N, C-alpha and C. Protein backbone atom coordinates (compact mmCIF):
# COMPACT_ATOMS: atom_id res chain seq x y z
N UNK A 1 -35.10 19.20 28.53
CA UNK A 1 -35.68 17.90 28.31
C UNK A 1 -35.53 17.55 26.84
N UNK A 2 -35.28 16.27 26.59
CA UNK A 2 -35.17 15.78 25.21
C UNK A 2 -35.90 14.46 25.08
N UNK A 3 -36.47 14.22 23.89
CA UNK A 3 -37.09 12.93 23.59
C UNK A 3 -37.25 12.82 22.08
N UNK A 4 -37.38 11.59 21.61
CA UNK A 4 -37.62 11.36 20.18
C UNK A 4 -39.09 11.53 19.84
N UNK A 5 -39.98 11.33 20.80
CA UNK A 5 -41.42 11.44 20.59
C UNK A 5 -41.93 12.71 21.27
N UNK A 6 -42.51 13.61 20.51
CA UNK A 6 -42.94 14.89 21.08
C UNK A 6 -44.12 14.74 22.02
N UNK A 7 -44.94 13.72 21.85
CA UNK A 7 -46.12 13.55 22.71
C UNK A 7 -45.71 13.20 24.14
N UNK A 8 -44.78 12.26 24.30
CA UNK A 8 -44.36 11.92 25.66
C UNK A 8 -43.52 13.03 26.27
N UNK A 9 -42.84 13.80 25.43
CA UNK A 9 -42.07 14.94 25.93
C UNK A 9 -43.01 16.00 26.51
N UNK A 10 -44.10 16.29 25.80
CA UNK A 10 -45.07 17.27 26.29
C UNK A 10 -45.76 16.77 27.56
N UNK A 11 -46.02 15.46 27.63
CA UNK A 11 -46.64 14.89 28.82
C UNK A 11 -45.71 15.02 30.03
N UNK A 12 -44.44 14.72 29.85
CA UNK A 12 -43.46 14.85 30.93
C UNK A 12 -43.28 16.29 31.35
N UNK A 13 -43.27 17.21 30.39
CA UNK A 13 -43.13 18.63 30.70
C UNK A 13 -44.32 19.12 31.51
N UNK A 14 -45.51 18.66 31.16
CA UNK A 14 -46.71 19.07 31.89
C UNK A 14 -46.68 18.56 33.33
N UNK A 15 -46.17 17.34 33.54
CA UNK A 15 -46.06 16.80 34.90
C UNK A 15 -45.09 17.64 35.74
N UNK A 16 -43.98 18.05 35.14
CA UNK A 16 -43.00 18.87 35.86
C UNK A 16 -43.59 20.23 36.21
N UNK A 17 -44.29 20.86 35.27
CA UNK A 17 -44.90 22.17 35.51
C UNK A 17 -45.96 22.07 36.60
N UNK A 18 -46.80 21.03 36.56
CA UNK A 18 -47.83 20.86 37.58
C UNK A 18 -47.22 20.65 38.96
N UNK A 19 -46.16 19.85 39.04
CA UNK A 19 -45.50 19.60 40.32
C UNK A 19 -44.89 20.87 40.88
N UNK A 20 -44.24 21.66 40.03
CA UNK A 20 -43.62 22.90 40.49
C UNK A 20 -44.67 23.91 40.94
N UNK A 21 -45.79 23.99 40.23
CA UNK A 21 -46.84 24.94 40.61
C UNK A 21 -47.53 24.52 41.91
N UNK A 22 -47.65 23.20 42.14
CA UNK A 22 -48.25 22.71 43.38
C UNK A 22 -47.43 23.10 44.60
N UNK A 23 -46.10 23.23 44.41
CA UNK A 23 -45.23 23.60 45.53
C UNK A 23 -44.95 25.11 45.55
N UNK A 24 -45.77 25.87 44.84
CA UNK A 24 -45.75 27.34 44.85
C UNK A 24 -44.43 27.93 44.34
N UNK A 25 -43.92 27.37 43.25
CA UNK A 25 -42.75 27.94 42.58
C UNK A 25 -43.20 28.62 41.30
N UNK A 26 -42.46 29.62 40.89
CA UNK A 26 -42.76 30.32 39.64
C UNK A 26 -42.14 29.54 38.48
N UNK A 27 -42.96 29.26 37.46
CA UNK A 27 -42.51 28.42 36.34
C UNK A 27 -42.64 29.19 35.04
N UNK A 28 -41.61 29.13 34.21
CA UNK A 28 -41.64 29.66 32.85
C UNK A 28 -41.45 28.48 31.91
N UNK A 29 -42.42 28.23 31.07
CA UNK A 29 -42.26 27.15 30.11
C UNK A 29 -43.44 26.20 30.17
N UNK A 30 -43.38 25.13 29.44
CA UNK A 30 -42.26 24.64 28.63
C UNK A 30 -42.09 25.45 27.34
N UNK A 31 -40.85 25.79 27.05
CA UNK A 31 -40.49 26.56 25.87
C UNK A 31 -39.95 25.58 24.83
N UNK A 32 -40.59 25.47 23.66
CA UNK A 32 -40.06 24.55 22.64
C UNK A 32 -38.77 25.10 22.02
N UNK A 33 -37.76 24.26 21.98
CA UNK A 33 -36.48 24.62 21.36
C UNK A 33 -36.41 23.96 19.98
N UNK A 34 -35.48 24.37 19.14
CA UNK A 34 -35.40 23.78 17.79
C UNK A 34 -35.19 22.27 17.84
N UNK A 35 -35.86 21.59 16.91
CA UNK A 35 -35.75 20.14 16.79
C UNK A 35 -34.49 19.80 16.01
N UNK A 36 -33.67 18.89 16.56
CA UNK A 36 -32.46 18.46 15.85
C UNK A 36 -32.82 17.27 14.96
N UNK A 37 -32.50 17.37 13.68
CA UNK A 37 -32.82 16.32 12.72
C UNK A 37 -31.52 15.74 12.20
N UNK A 38 -31.33 14.43 12.41
CA UNK A 38 -30.17 13.73 11.87
C UNK A 38 -30.66 12.85 10.73
N UNK A 39 -30.10 13.05 9.54
CA UNK A 39 -30.50 12.27 8.37
C UNK A 39 -29.37 11.34 7.96
N UNK A 40 -29.75 10.12 7.63
CA UNK A 40 -28.79 9.11 7.18
C UNK A 40 -29.25 8.59 5.83
N UNK A 41 -28.34 8.53 4.87
CA UNK A 41 -28.63 8.01 3.55
C UNK A 41 -27.80 6.77 3.33
N UNK A 42 -28.48 5.68 2.94
CA UNK A 42 -27.78 4.42 2.69
C UNK A 42 -28.17 3.90 1.31
N UNK A 43 -27.27 3.17 0.70
CA UNK A 43 -27.56 2.54 -0.58
C UNK A 43 -28.55 1.41 -0.36
N UNK A 44 -29.56 1.30 -1.23
CA UNK A 44 -30.57 0.26 -1.03
C UNK A 44 -30.09 -1.09 -1.55
N UNK A 45 -29.21 -1.08 -2.53
CA UNK A 45 -28.70 -2.34 -3.07
C UNK A 45 -27.21 -2.45 -2.85
N UNK A 46 -26.70 -3.67 -2.77
CA UNK A 46 -25.28 -3.84 -2.50
C UNK A 46 -24.39 -3.66 -3.74
N UNK A 47 -25.01 -3.56 -4.93
CA UNK A 47 -24.20 -3.58 -6.14
C UNK A 47 -24.20 -2.24 -6.87
N UNK A 48 -24.53 -2.25 -8.13
CA UNK A 48 -24.27 -1.17 -9.07
C UNK A 48 -25.11 0.10 -8.84
N UNK A 49 -26.36 -0.03 -8.49
CA UNK A 49 -27.31 1.07 -8.57
C UNK A 49 -27.03 2.17 -7.55
N UNK A 50 -26.29 3.19 -7.95
CA UNK A 50 -25.93 4.29 -7.06
C UNK A 50 -27.12 5.22 -6.80
N UNK A 51 -28.08 5.25 -7.73
CA UNK A 51 -29.22 6.17 -7.59
C UNK A 51 -30.29 5.64 -6.64
N UNK A 52 -30.27 4.36 -6.35
CA UNK A 52 -31.28 3.77 -5.46
C UNK A 52 -30.79 3.88 -4.02
N UNK A 53 -31.43 4.76 -3.26
CA UNK A 53 -31.01 5.00 -1.88
C UNK A 53 -32.23 5.10 -0.97
N UNK A 54 -32.00 4.84 0.29
CA UNK A 54 -33.03 5.03 1.32
C UNK A 54 -32.54 6.11 2.27
N UNK A 55 -33.47 6.94 2.73
CA UNK A 55 -33.11 7.97 3.70
C UNK A 55 -33.88 7.73 5.00
N UNK A 56 -33.15 7.84 6.11
CA UNK A 56 -33.74 7.70 7.43
C UNK A 56 -33.42 8.96 8.21
N UNK A 57 -34.30 9.30 9.15
CA UNK A 57 -34.02 10.47 9.98
C UNK A 57 -34.46 10.21 11.41
N UNK A 58 -33.75 10.86 12.32
CA UNK A 58 -34.07 10.82 13.74
C UNK A 58 -34.31 12.26 14.17
N UNK A 59 -35.48 12.51 14.75
CA UNK A 59 -35.82 13.85 15.23
C UNK A 59 -35.73 13.87 16.75
N UNK A 60 -34.96 14.81 17.29
CA UNK A 60 -34.83 14.97 18.73
C UNK A 60 -35.53 16.27 19.12
N UNK A 61 -36.65 16.14 19.82
CA UNK A 61 -37.44 17.29 20.25
C UNK A 61 -36.93 17.75 21.61
N UNK A 62 -36.95 19.06 21.84
CA UNK A 62 -36.42 19.61 23.09
C UNK A 62 -37.40 20.63 23.67
N UNK A 63 -37.44 20.68 25.00
CA UNK A 63 -38.24 21.68 25.73
C UNK A 63 -37.39 22.24 26.86
N UNK A 64 -37.61 23.50 27.17
CA UNK A 64 -36.91 24.17 28.27
C UNK A 64 -37.94 24.62 29.29
N UNK A 65 -37.67 24.30 30.56
CA UNK A 65 -38.55 24.73 31.65
C UNK A 65 -37.69 25.45 32.68
N UNK A 66 -38.04 26.70 32.97
CA UNK A 66 -37.35 27.48 34.00
C UNK A 66 -38.20 27.49 35.26
N UNK A 67 -37.62 27.03 36.36
CA UNK A 67 -38.29 27.08 37.65
C UNK A 67 -37.52 28.10 38.49
N UNK A 68 -38.18 29.21 38.78
CA UNK A 68 -37.53 30.30 39.52
C UNK A 68 -37.81 30.15 41.00
N UNK A 69 -36.79 30.43 41.80
CA UNK A 69 -36.89 30.37 43.26
C UNK A 69 -37.45 29.04 43.75
N UNK A 70 -36.80 27.97 43.34
CA UNK A 70 -37.24 26.63 43.76
C UNK A 70 -36.93 26.41 45.23
N UNK A 71 -37.92 25.99 45.97
CA UNK A 71 -37.76 25.71 47.39
C UNK A 71 -37.26 24.27 47.57
N UNK A 72 -36.75 23.92 48.74
CA UNK A 72 -36.36 22.52 48.98
C UNK A 72 -37.53 21.55 48.79
N UNK A 73 -38.73 22.02 49.10
CA UNK A 73 -39.92 21.18 48.90
C UNK A 73 -40.15 20.91 47.40
N UNK A 74 -39.91 21.91 46.57
CA UNK A 74 -40.05 21.75 45.12
C UNK A 74 -39.02 20.75 44.59
N UNK A 75 -37.79 20.88 45.02
CA UNK A 75 -36.72 19.99 44.55
C UNK A 75 -37.00 18.56 44.98
N UNK A 76 -37.49 18.37 46.20
CA UNK A 76 -37.81 17.03 46.69
C UNK A 76 -38.95 16.42 45.87
N UNK A 77 -39.97 17.21 45.56
CA UNK A 77 -41.10 16.72 44.77
C UNK A 77 -40.67 16.36 43.36
N UNK A 78 -39.77 17.14 42.77
CA UNK A 78 -39.30 16.85 41.41
C UNK A 78 -38.41 15.61 41.39
N UNK A 79 -37.64 15.37 42.45
CA UNK A 79 -36.81 14.16 42.50
C UNK A 79 -37.66 12.90 42.62
N UNK A 80 -38.81 12.99 43.26
CA UNK A 80 -39.69 11.83 43.42
C UNK A 80 -40.54 11.58 42.18
N UNK A 81 -40.58 12.53 41.27
CA UNK A 81 -41.44 12.44 40.09
C UNK A 81 -40.91 11.38 39.12
N UNK A 82 -41.79 10.51 38.65
CA UNK A 82 -41.39 9.53 37.64
C UNK A 82 -41.95 9.99 36.29
N UNK A 83 -41.08 10.09 35.32
CA UNK A 83 -41.45 10.57 33.99
C UNK A 83 -41.57 9.41 33.02
N UNK A 84 -42.23 9.61 31.88
CA UNK A 84 -42.35 8.54 30.89
C UNK A 84 -40.99 8.08 30.38
N UNK A 85 -40.93 6.81 29.98
CA UNK A 85 -39.69 6.27 29.42
C UNK A 85 -39.37 6.99 28.11
N UNK A 86 -38.10 7.26 27.89
CA UNK A 86 -37.69 7.93 26.66
C UNK A 86 -37.49 9.42 26.81
N UNK A 87 -37.76 9.97 27.99
CA UNK A 87 -37.56 11.40 28.23
C UNK A 87 -36.26 11.58 28.99
N UNK A 88 -35.35 12.37 28.43
CA UNK A 88 -34.06 12.64 29.06
C UNK A 88 -34.09 14.05 29.65
N UNK A 89 -33.63 14.17 30.89
CA UNK A 89 -33.66 15.46 31.58
C UNK A 89 -32.25 15.88 31.96
N UNK A 90 -31.95 17.14 31.73
CA UNK A 90 -30.70 17.74 32.19
C UNK A 90 -31.07 18.89 33.12
N UNK A 91 -30.52 18.87 34.34
CA UNK A 91 -30.85 19.90 35.32
C UNK A 91 -29.64 20.79 35.54
N UNK A 92 -29.84 22.09 35.42
CA UNK A 92 -28.77 23.06 35.66
C UNK A 92 -29.27 24.04 36.70
N UNK A 93 -28.41 24.34 37.67
CA UNK A 93 -28.76 25.28 38.71
C UNK A 93 -27.94 26.55 38.53
N UNK A 94 -28.63 27.69 38.58
CA UNK A 94 -27.92 28.96 38.42
C UNK A 94 -27.87 29.69 39.71
């Protein structure tokens, strides 16, 4: 899971964990992964002043949730789950 806001990311992760536990699946997580920080530096003025700059950054927070032995009922419940806007999910099956 990824999001720019850690609060909605934690809320979405908690909803996924609760749904998986309700369907009697074993859950590991949410495990916080390193936050990716992208920094951008731009000149504040269009002319001479090279020392005057503004810095902006975007933080991408990540969480990992392992659902072990997911049943078809668990997968169906997770597909019906609606998560907060701004939360991106990547699902991998092993």
